[in-house]
Amino acid sequence: MSEFSDYEVKSPDIRTNEPKRLLLRIPEALTAGTYGLEVRTTPRNGNRLWTGIFTPELTVA
């Protein structure tokens, strides 16, 4: 479950994931609304899942 809601959508393509910049392809099935963004990753040679919350929200019209 997401911190923002029970509804989660995974982006099929993340191009840039930097501390102040996130560039991704928005899935076509995403309905209109405002979404919070979480980035999840596993560090190299690690077994823990790191979750970061990207402060700006995504608005789909």
C-alpha atoms as a PDB file:
ATOM      1  CA  MET A   1       0.000   0.000   0.000  1.00  0.00           C
ATOM      2  CA  SER A   2       1.241   3.454  -0.856  1.00  0.00           C
ATOM      3  CA  GLU A   3       1.541   6.257   1.673  1.00  0.00           C
ATOM      4  CA  PHE A   4      -0.662   8.351  -0.636  1.00  0.00           C
ATOM      5  CA  SER A   5      -3.505   5.911  -1.346  1.00  0.00           C
ATOM      6  CA  ASP A   6      -4.377   2.264  -1.902  1.00  0.00           C
ATOM      7  CA  TYR A   7      -3.934   2.706  -5.663  1.00  0.00           C
ATOM      8  CA  GLU A   8      -0.477   2.170  -7.168  1.00  0.00           C
ATOM      9  CA  VAL A   9       0.788   2.387 -10.742  1.00  0.00           C
ATOM     10  CA  LYS A  10       4.298   1.451 -11.805  1.00  0.00           C
ATOM     11  CA  SER A  11       5.963   3.532 -14.505  1.00  0.00           C
ATOM     12  CA  PRO A  12       7.223   1.308 -17.302  1.00  0.00           C
ATOM     13  CA  ASP A  13      10.217   3.549 -17.968  1.00  0.00           C
ATOM     14  CA  ILE A  14      12.213   5.761 -15.573  1.00  0.00           C
ATOM     15  CA  ARG A  15      14.790   7.751 -17.516  1.00  0.00           C
ATOM     16  CA  THR A  16      16.324  10.000 -14.849  1.00  0.00           C
ATOM     17  CA  ASN A  17      16.279   9.490 -11.083  1.00  0.00           C
ATOM     18  CA  GLU A  18      18.374  12.168  -9.375  1.00  0.00           C
ATOM     19  CA  PRO A  19      17.909  13.968  -6.042  1.00  0.00           C
ATOM     20  CA  LYS A  20      15.987  16.921  -7.528  1.00  0.00           C
ATOM     21  CA  ARG A  21      14.940  15.542 -10.900  1.00  0.00           C
ATOM     22  CA  LEU A  22      12.709  12.654 -11.877  1.00  0.00           C
ATOM     23  CA  LEU A  23      11.960  11.951 -15.532  1.00  0.00           C
ATOM     24  CA  LEU A  24       9.576   9.094 -16.313  1.00  0.00           C
ATOM     25  CA  ARG A  25       7.041   7.946 -18.839  1.00  0.00           C
ATOM     26  CA  ILE A  26       3.485   8.288 -17.556  1.00  0.00           C
ATOM     27  CA  PRO A  27       1.449   5.100 -18.110  1.00  0.00           C
ATOM     28  CA  GLU A  28      -1.400   5.525 -20.602  1.00  0.00           C
ATOM     29  CA  ALA A  29      -3.870   3.888 -18.212  1.00  0.00           C
ATOM     30  CA  LEU A  30      -3.367   6.603 -15.583  1.00  0.00           C
ATOM     31  CA  THR A  31      -6.668   8.400 -14.995  1.00  0.00           C
ATOM     32  CA  ALA A  32      -7.059  12.150 -14.424  1.00  0.00           C
ATOM     33  CA  GLY A  33      -6.172  13.308 -10.933  1.00  0.00           C
ATOM     34  CA  THR A  34      -3.324  14.298  -8.637  1.00  0.00           C
ATOM     35  CA  TYR A  35      -0.762  11.704  -7.634  1.00  0.00           C
ATOM     36  CA  GLY A  36       2.045  11.494  -5.131  1.00  0.00           C
ATOM     37  CA  LEU A  37       5.267   9.954  -6.390  1.00  0.00           C
ATOM     38  CA  GLU A  38       7.362   7.304  -4.671  1.00  0.00           C
ATOM     39  CA  VAL A  39      10.623   5.945  -5.982  1.00  0.00           C
ATOM     40  CA  ARG A  40      11.616   2.466  -4.853  1.00  0.00           C
ATOM     41  CA  THR A  41      15.017   0.918  -5.404  1.00  0.00           C
ATOM     42  CA  THR A  42      17.334  -1.759  -4.128  1.00  0.00           C
ATOM     43  CA  PRO A  43      20.951  -0.630  -3.783  1.00  0.00           C
ATOM     44  CA  ARG A  44      23.637  -2.675  -5.523  1.00  0.00           C
ATOM     45  CA  ASN A  45      24.653  -5.695  -3.486  1.00  0.00           C
ATOM     46  CA  GLY A  46      21.840  -4.895  -1.073  1.00  0.00           C
ATOM     47  CA  ASN A  47      18.783  -6.710   0.072  1.00  0.00           C
ATOM     48  CA  ARG A  48      16.780  -3.805   1.483  1.00  0.00           C
ATOM     49  CA  LEU A  49      14.160  -1.831  -0.392  1.00  0.00           C
ATOM     50  CA  TRP A  50      14.624   1.936  -0.190  1.00  0.00           C
ATOM     51  CA  THR A  51      11.598   4.156  -0.715  1.00  0.00           C
ATOM     52  CA  GLY A  52      11.891   7.862  -1.424  1.00  0.00           C
ATOM     53  CA  ILE A  53       9.000  10.289  -1.682  1.00  0.00           C
ATOM     54  CA  PHE A  54       9.314  12.865  -4.445  1.00  0.00           C
ATOM     55  CA  THR A  55       7.839  16.085  -3.026  1.00  0.00           C
ATOM     56  CA  PRO A  56       6.181  17.585  -6.146  1.00  0.00           C
ATOM     57  CA  GLU A  57       2.870  15.985  -7.054  1.00  0.00           C
ATOM     58  CA  LEU A  58       1.928  14.810 -10.543  1.00  0.00           C
ATOM     59  CA  THR A  59      -1.322  16.201 -11.977  1.00  0.00           C
ATOM     60  CA  VAL A  60      -2.894  14.374 -14.922  1.00  0.00           C
ATOM     61  CA  ALA A  61      -5.592  16.302 -16.777  1.00  0.00           C
END
